[in-house]
Amino acid sequence: MSSLISEYRKKRSQIKKRLREFRRLNKSNNKDIFPELCFCILTPQSNARYCDKAIQELKKTNLLFKGESHSISPVLRGRARFHNKKAGYIVSARKCFDKKIFGSRDTLEVRNSLVKNIKGFGYKEASHFLRNIGMGKDMAILDRHILKNLKRYGAIKKIPSSISTREYLNIEEKARKFADKIKIPLEELDLLFWSRETGEIFK
C-alpha cells in the first residue's frame, strides 16, 4: 500500500492537471463533448490511443457529426473492435444525445440516463464519459486495469467474468471505500491505476 501512495504523490500533479483539463470542456458545446461520448463508445475491448486517433480523424472529416455508419466504419477498422457495430452506435448516439441531461445536479442520475439512452453504453462507459467531461468525481470506471488493481490491494476478492448492474454498483462502492481509506480521490485513483498499467496518464 505504501508503494501505491508513494507513486500517487509522484504523479499527483499530473493527474490533477489532467482532471482540470477534463473539467474545462464546455458541456454546452456539442463539438466538445460529443467526441468524448463517441470515444467512450469505442474503447471497450480496444486500445484507447487507437480509438482516440479514430475520433480525431472522424472530427477532421466531419464524419463524426454528419457521416453515416457505412462511412464511419472504415475509419474504425483496425482501431476499434466491432467497428461496424460501433459505427452504428455513433450514428444512433448522434440522434438521441441530449445535452439537457446535464441540467441535473445528480451525476448518478445523469449516468443512469446515459445508460438508458445511449446504445453501447453500460455503467463503465457512462462513468468513463462523465469523468472525461469533468463530472465523474464519485464514479469508478471498472475496466480490466482498475479491477486488476482493486484485487491486488484487497478491495475486491476476485475479478468477475461479467458484471451485472448490481455487481457494478457493489464493486464501485468498494472502490469508494478503498479510495477513502487511502485518502486518494476516486477519480484520481482511476488515473493512477490506469497509468500504472499503460505507462501514461491519458483518459
C-alpha atoms as a PDB file:
ATOM      1  CA  MET A   1       0.000   0.000   0.000  1.00  0.00           C
ATOM      2  CA  SER A   2       2.814   2.402   0.806  1.00  0.00           C
ATOM      3  CA  SER A   3       4.248   1.981  -2.699  1.00  0.00           C
ATOM      4  CA  LEU A   4       0.874   2.959  -4.186  1.00  0.00           C
ATOM      5  CA  ILE A   5       0.676   6.090  -2.055  1.00  0.00           C
ATOM      6  CA  SER A   6       4.270   6.958  -2.925  1.00  0.00           C
ATOM      7  CA  GLU A   7       3.507   6.539  -6.627  1.00  0.00           C
ATOM      8  CA  TYR A   8       0.443   8.756  -6.243  1.00  0.00           C
ATOM      9  CA  ARG A   9       2.491  11.525  -4.669  1.00  0.00           C
ATOM     10  CA  LYS A  10       4.879  11.451  -7.635  1.00  0.00           C
ATOM     11  CA  LYS A  11       2.058  11.588 -10.177  1.00  0.00           C
ATOM     12  CA  ARG A  12      -0.443  13.706  -8.256  1.00  0.00           C
ATOM     13  CA  SER A  13       0.267  16.995 -10.027  1.00  0.00           C
ATOM     14  CA  GLN A  14      -0.022  15.373 -13.477  1.00  0.00           C
ATOM     15  CA  ILE A  15      -3.243  13.616 -12.516  1.00  0.00           C
ATOM     16  CA  LYS A  16      -4.818  16.790 -11.131  1.00  0.00           C
ATOM     17  CA  LYS A  17      -3.760  18.698 -14.251  1.00  0.00           C
ATOM     18  CA  ARG A  18      -5.469  16.116 -16.460  1.00  0.00           C
ATOM     19  CA  LEU A  19      -8.666  16.302 -14.429  1.00  0.00           C
ATOM     20  CA  ARG A  20      -8.662  20.104 -14.706  1.00  0.00           C
ATOM     21  CA  GLU A  21      -8.431  19.706 -18.484  1.00  0.00           C
ATOM     22  CA  PHE A  22     -11.481  17.450 -18.416  1.00  0.00           C
ATOM     23  CA  ARG A  23     -13.451  19.991 -16.376  1.00  0.00           C
ATOM     24  CA  ARG A  24     -12.625  22.797 -18.812  1.00  0.00           C
ATOM     25  CA  LEU A  25     -14.592  21.114 -21.600  1.00  0.00           C
ATOM     26  CA  ASN A  26     -17.631  23.201 -22.492  1.00  0.00           C
ATOM     27  CA  LYS A  27     -20.611  20.983 -21.718  1.00  0.00           C
ATOM     28  CA  SER A  28     -22.901  23.280 -23.703  1.00  0.00           C
ATOM     29  CA  ASN A  29     -20.791  22.777 -26.844  1.00  0.00           C
ATOM     30  CA  ASN A  30     -21.620  19.591 -28.721  1.00  0.00           C
ATOM     31  CA  LYS A  31     -18.299  19.704 -30.574  1.00  0.00           C
ATOM     32  CA  ASP A  32     -16.527  19.434 -27.221  1.00  0.00           C
ATOM     33  CA  ILE A  33     -18.495  16.692 -25.549  1.00  0.00           C
ATOM     34  CA  PHE A  34     -19.893  14.524 -28.343  1.00  0.00           C
ATOM     35  CA  PRO A  35     -16.405  13.346 -29.425  1.00  0.00           C
ATOM     36  CA  GLU A  36     -15.795  12.221 -25.830  1.00  0.00           C
ATOM     37  CA  LEU A  37     -19.068  10.312 -25.858  1.00  0.00           C
ATOM     38  CA  CYS A  38     -18.019   8.549 -29.069  1.00  0.00           C
ATOM     39  CA  PHE A  39     -14.532   7.844 -27.721  1.00  0.00           C
ATOM     40  CA  CYS A  40     -16.137   6.003 -24.802  1.00  0.00           C
ATOM     41  CA  ILE A  41     -18.339   4.043 -27.214  1.00  0.00           C
ATOM     42  CA  LEU A  42     -15.189   2.834 -28.990  1.00  0.00           C
ATOM     43  CA  THR A  43     -12.907   1.934 -26.089  1.00  0.00           C
ATOM     44  CA  PRO A  44     -14.413  -1.354 -24.777  1.00  0.00           C
ATOM     45  CA  GLN A  45     -12.005  -4.179 -25.689  1.00  0.00           C
ATOM     46  CA  SER A  46      -9.958  -1.711 -27.736  1.00  0.00           C
ATOM     47  CA  ASN A  47      -6.779   0.356 -27.397  1.00  0.00           C
ATOM     48  CA  ALA A  48      -7.606   3.855 -26.121  1.00  0.00           C
ATOM     49  CA  ARG A  49      -4.905   5.552 -28.201  1.00  0.00           C
ATOM     50  CA  TYR A  50      -6.121   3.917 -31.418  1.00  0.00           C
ATOM     51  CA  CYS A  51      -9.680   4.894 -30.549  1.00  0.00           C
ATOM     52  CA  ASP A  52      -8.625   8.479 -29.988  1.00  0.00           C
ATOM     53  CA  LYS A  53      -6.897   8.555 -33.387  1.00  0.00           C
ATOM     54  CA  ALA A  54     -10.100   7.309 -34.987  1.00  0.00           C
ATOM     55  CA  ILE A  55     -12.123  10.043 -33.251  1.00  0.00           C
ATOM     56  CA  GLN A  56      -9.660  12.738 -34.353  1.00  0.00           C
ATOM     57  CA  GLU A  57      -9.900  11.563 -37.970  1.00  0.00           C
ATOM     58  CA  LEU A  58     -13.692  11.458 -37.824  1.00  0.00           C
ATOM     59  CA  LYS A  59     -13.721  15.012 -36.421  1.00  0.00           C
ATOM     60  CA  LYS A  60     -11.340  16.255 -39.094  1.00  0.00           C
ATOM     61  CA  THR A  61     -13.515  14.888 -41.912  1.00  0.00           C
ATOM     62  CA  ASN A  62     -16.755  15.857 -40.114  1.00  0.00           C
ATOM     63  CA  LEU A  63     -17.928  12.254 -40.343  1.00  0.00           C
ATOM     64  CA  LEU A  64     -18.361  12.220 -36.581  1.00  0.00           C
ATOM     65  CA  PHE A  65     -21.138  14.801 -36.822  1.00  0.00           C
ATOM     66  CA  LYS A  66     -22.567  14.120 -40.285  1.00  0.00           C
ATOM     67  CA  GLY A  67     -21.430  10.711 -41.577  1.00  0.00           C
ATOM     68  CA  GLU A  68     -23.495   7.557 -41.830  1.00  0.00           C
ATOM     69  CA  SER A  69     -22.293   4.276 -40.358  1.00  0.00           C
ATOM     70  CA  HIS A  70     -21.011   2.912 -43.689  1.00  0.00           C
ATOM     71  CA  SER A  71     -18.653   5.927 -43.933  1.00  0.00           C
ATOM     72  CA  ILE A  72     -17.576   5.807 -40.289  1.00  0.00           C
ATOM     73  CA  SER A  73     -16.895   2.068 -40.142  1.00  0.00           C
ATOM     74  CA  PRO A  74     -13.752   2.073 -42.393  1.00  0.00           C
ATOM     75  CA  VAL A  75     -12.138   4.683 -40.133  1.00  0.00           C
ATOM     76  CA  LEU A  76     -12.738   2.452 -37.111  1.00  0.00           C
ATOM     77  CA  ARG A  77     -11.437  -0.712 -38.795  1.00  0.00           C
ATOM     78  CA  GLY A  78      -8.184  -1.833 -37.149  1.00  0.00           C
ATOM     79  CA  ARG A  79      -8.605   0.747 -34.396  1.00  0.00           C
ATOM     80  CA  ALA A  80     -11.705  -0.409 -32.525  1.00  0.00           C
ATOM     81  CA  ARG A  81     -13.118  -3.893 -32.206  1.00  0.00           C
ATOM     82  CA  PHE A  82     -16.588  -4.495 -33.633  1.00  0.00           C
ATOM     83  CA  HIS A  83     -16.113  -1.474 -35.891  1.00  0.00           C
ATOM     84  CA  ASN A  84     -19.370  -1.956 -37.840  1.00  0.00           C
ATOM     85  CA  LYS A  85     -21.484  -2.190 -34.706  1.00  0.00           C
ATOM     86  CA  LYS A  86     -19.752   0.776 -33.061  1.00  0.00           C
ATOM     87  CA  ALA A  87     -20.150   2.899 -36.200  1.00  0.00           C
ATOM     88  CA  GLY A  88     -23.881   2.304 -35.850  1.00  0.00           C
ATOM     89  CA  TYR A  89     -23.731   3.235 -32.170  1.00  0.00           C
ATOM     90  CA  ILE A  90     -22.128   6.576 -33.048  1.00  0.00           C
ATOM     91  CA  VAL A  91     -24.876   7.417 -35.543  1.00  0.00           C
ATOM     92  CA  SER A  92     -27.533   6.348 -33.039  1.00  0.00           C
ATOM     93  CA  ALA A  93     -25.924   8.429 -30.275  1.00  0.00           C
ATOM     94  CA  ARG A  94     -25.875  11.491 -32.501  1.00  0.00           C
ATOM     95  CA  LYS A  95     -29.627  11.210 -32.990  1.00  0.00           C
ATOM     96  CA  CYS A  96     -30.601  10.725 -29.344  1.00  0.00           C
ATOM     97  CA  PHE A  97     -27.899  12.538 -27.356  1.00  0.00           C
ATOM     98  CA  ASP A  98     -29.491  15.411 -25.470  1.00  0.00           C
ATOM     99  CA  LYS A  99     -27.322  17.890 -23.544  1.00  0.00           C
ATOM    100  CA  LYS A 100     -30.323  18.726 -21.330  1.00  0.00           C
ATOM    101  CA  ILE A 101     -29.411  15.760 -19.137  1.00  0.00           C
ATOM    102  CA  PHE A 102     -26.551  17.849 -17.767  1.00  0.00           C
ATOM    103  CA  GLY A 103     -29.110  20.102 -16.131  1.00  0.00           C
ATOM    104  CA  SER A 104     -29.440  17.587 -13.314  1.00  0.00           C
ATOM    105  CA  ARG A 105     -27.209  18.148 -10.313  1.00  0.00           C
ATOM    106  CA  ASP A 106     -27.303  14.435  -9.555  1.00  0.00           C
ATOM    107  CA  THR A 107     -24.481  12.938 -11.612  1.00  0.00           C
ATOM    108  CA  LEU A 108     -25.604   9.402 -10.787  1.00  0.00           C
ATOM    109  CA  GLU A 109     -28.976  10.282 -12.306  1.00  0.00           C
ATOM    110  CA  VAL A 110     -27.195  11.598 -15.388  1.00  0.00           C
ATOM    111  CA  ARG A 111     -25.266   8.330 -15.622  1.00  0.00           C
ATOM    112  CA  ASN A 112     -28.469   6.309 -15.433  1.00  0.00           C
ATOM    113  CA  SER A 113     -29.942   8.401 -18.237  1.00  0.00           C
ATOM    114  CA  LEU A 114     -26.890   7.776 -20.430  1.00  0.00           C
ATOM    115  CA  VAL A 115     -27.018   4.017 -19.828  1.00  0.00           C
ATOM    116  CA  LYS A 116     -30.717   4.014 -20.695  1.00  0.00           C
ATOM    117  CA  ASN A 117     -30.464   6.098 -23.872  1.00  0.00           C
ATOM    118  CA  ILE A 118     -27.043   5.568 -25.488  1.00  0.00           C
ATOM    119  CA  LYS A 119     -26.536   2.302 -27.370  1.00  0.00           C
ATOM    120  CA  GLY A 120     -23.235   0.683 -26.443  1.00  0.00           C
ATOM    121  CA  PHE A 121     -23.183   2.331 -23.015  1.00  0.00           C
ATOM    122  CA  GLY A 122     -23.158   0.391 -19.787  1.00  0.00           C
ATOM    123  CA  TYR A 123     -22.126   1.792 -16.422  1.00  0.00           C
ATOM    124  CA  LYS A 124     -18.430   1.592 -17.263  1.00  0.00           C
ATOM    125  CA  GLU A 125     -18.775   3.583 -20.487  1.00  0.00           C
ATOM    126  CA  ALA A 126     -21.131   6.151 -18.959  1.00  0.00           C
ATOM    127  CA  SER A 127     -18.789   6.629 -15.982  1.00  0.00           C
ATOM    128  CA  HIS A 128     -15.826   6.967 -18.341  1.00  0.00           C
ATOM    129  CA  PHE A 129     -17.608   9.630 -20.389  1.00  0.00           C
ATOM    130  CA  LEU A 130     -18.683  11.636 -17.351  1.00  0.00           C
ATOM    131  CA  ARG A 131     -15.170  11.523 -15.909  1.00  0.00           C
ATOM    132  CA  ASN A 132     -13.782  12.711 -19.257  1.00  0.00           C
ATOM    133  CA  ILE A 133     -16.020  15.788 -19.207  1.00  0.00           C
ATOM    134  CA  GLY A 134     -15.312  16.573 -15.563  1.00  0.00           C
ATOM    135  CA  MET A 135     -18.424  15.039 -13.990  1.00  0.00           C
ATOM    136  CA  GLY A 136     -17.200  11.672 -12.724  1.00  0.00           C
ATOM    137  CA  LYS A 137     -15.897  12.669  -9.317  1.00  0.00           C
ATOM    138  CA  ASP A 138     -17.558   9.863  -7.366  1.00  0.00           C
ATOM    139  CA  MET A 139     -17.658   7.163 -10.048  1.00  0.00           C
ATOM    140  CA  ALA A 140     -15.468   4.158 -10.796  1.00  0.00           C
ATOM    141  CA  ILE A 141     -14.559   3.103 -14.328  1.00  0.00           C
ATOM    142  CA  LEU A 142     -14.387  -0.631 -13.826  1.00  0.00           C
ATOM    143  CA  ASP A 143     -12.259  -1.764 -16.747  1.00  0.00           C
ATOM    144  CA  ARG A 144      -9.741  -4.607 -16.532  1.00  0.00           C
ATOM    145  CA  HIS A 145      -6.899  -2.305 -15.400  1.00  0.00           C
ATOM    146  CA  ILE A 146      -8.911  -0.964 -12.474  1.00  0.00           C
ATOM    147  CA  LEU A 147     -10.335  -4.326 -11.449  1.00  0.00           C
ATOM    148  CA  LYS A 148      -6.864  -5.871 -11.519  1.00  0.00           C
ATOM    149  CA  ASN A 149      -5.557  -3.244  -9.115  1.00  0.00           C
ATOM    150  CA  LEU A 150      -8.599  -3.335  -6.850  1.00  0.00           C
ATOM    151  CA  LYS A 151      -7.987  -7.047  -6.446  1.00  0.00           C
ATOM    152  CA  ARG A 152      -4.246  -6.531  -5.954  1.00  0.00           C
ATOM    153  CA  TYR A 153      -4.896  -4.244  -2.981  1.00  0.00           C
ATOM    154  CA  GLY A 154      -7.672  -6.338  -1.477  1.00  0.00           C
ATOM    155  CA  ALA A 155     -10.583  -4.014  -2.263  1.00  0.00           C
ATOM    156  CA  ILE A 156     -12.270  -6.927  -4.038  1.00  0.00           C
ATOM    157  CA  LYS A 157     -11.648 -10.651  -3.629  1.00  0.00           C
ATOM    158  CA  LYS A 158     -11.875 -11.636  -7.286  1.00  0.00           C
ATOM    159  CA  ILE A 159     -12.403 -10.202 -10.744  1.00  0.00           C
ATOM    160  CA  PRO A 160     -15.837 -11.231 -12.030  1.00  0.00           C
ATOM    161  CA  SER A 161     -16.062 -12.740 -15.510  1.00  0.00           C
ATOM    162  CA  SER A 162     -19.038 -10.488 -16.236  1.00  0.00           C
ATOM    163  CA  ILE A 163     -20.522  -7.578 -14.322  1.00  0.00           C
ATOM    164  CA  SER A 164     -24.246  -7.022 -13.868  1.00  0.00           C
ATOM    165  CA  THR A 165     -25.591  -3.606 -12.892  1.00  0.00           C
ATOM    166  CA  ARG A 166     -25.933  -4.747  -9.302  1.00  0.00           C
ATOM    167  CA  GLU A 167     -22.379  -6.113  -9.245  1.00  0.00           C
ATOM    168  CA  TYR A 168     -21.007  -2.943 -10.846  1.00  0.00           C
ATOM    169  CA  LEU A 169     -22.563  -0.746  -8.177  1.00  0.00           C
ATOM    170  CA  ASN A 170     -21.362  -3.111  -5.466  1.00  0.00           C
ATOM    171  CA  ILE A 171     -17.747  -3.045  -6.677  1.00  0.00           C
ATOM    172  CA  GLU A 172     -17.943   0.708  -7.215  1.00  0.00           C
ATOM    173  CA  GLU A 173     -18.909   1.163  -3.564  1.00  0.00           C
ATOM    174  CA  LYS A 174     -15.944  -0.985  -2.520  1.00  0.00           C
ATOM    175  CA  ALA A 175     -13.692   1.164  -4.701  1.00  0.00           C
ATOM    176  CA  ARG A 176     -15.047   4.295  -2.983  1.00  0.00           C
ATOM    177  CA  LYS A 177     -14.328   2.855   0.445  1.00  0.00           C
ATOM    178  CA  PHE A 178     -10.823   1.857  -0.627  1.00  0.00           C
ATOM    179  CA  ALA A 179     -10.175   5.347  -2.027  1.00  0.00           C
ATOM    180  CA  ASP A 180     -11.409   6.918   1.226  1.00  0.00           C
ATOM    181  CA  LYS A 181      -9.206   4.577   3.249  1.00  0.00           C
ATOM    182  CA  ILE A 182      -6.010   5.561   1.411  1.00  0.00           C
ATOM    183  CA  LYS A 183      -7.133   9.199   1.038  1.00  0.00           C
ATOM    184  CA  ILE A 184      -6.885   9.335  -2.750  1.00  0.00           C
ATOM    185  CA  PRO A 185      -9.972  10.744  -4.553  1.00  0.00           C
ATOM    186  CA  LEU A 186     -11.687   8.045  -6.605  1.00  0.00           C
ATOM    187  CA  GLU A 187     -11.305   9.819  -9.957  1.00  0.00           C
ATOM    188  CA  GLU A 188      -7.588  10.315  -9.236  1.00  0.00           C
ATOM    189  CA  LEU A 189      -7.183   6.695  -8.176  1.00  0.00           C
ATOM    190  CA  ASP A 190      -8.604   5.606 -11.528  1.00  0.00           C
ATOM    191  CA  LEU A 191      -5.987   7.576 -13.465  1.00  0.00           C
ATOM    192  CA  LEU A 192      -3.264   6.336 -11.123  1.00  0.00           C
ATOM    193  CA  PHE A 193      -4.206   2.691 -11.718  1.00  0.00           C
ATOM    194  CA  TRP A 194      -4.582   3.285 -15.446  1.00  0.00           C
ATOM    195  CA  SER A 195      -1.165   4.945 -15.709  1.00  0.00           C
ATOM    196  CA  ARG A 196       0.387   2.077 -13.757  1.00  0.00           C
ATOM    197  CA  GLU A 197      -0.896  -0.419 -16.323  1.00  0.00           C
ATOM    198  CA  THR A 198      -0.387   1.617 -19.513  1.00  0.00           C
ATOM    199  CA  GLY A 199       2.541   3.872 -18.644  1.00  0.00           C
ATOM    200  CA  GLU A 200       0.686   7.144 -19.235  1.00  0.00           C
ATOM    201  CA  ILE A 201      -1.983   9.430 -17.825  1.00  0.00           C
ATOM    202  CA  PHE A 202      -4.412   9.667 -20.701  1.00  0.00           C
ATOM    203  CA  LYS A 203      -8.196   9.403 -20.417  1.00  0.00           C
END
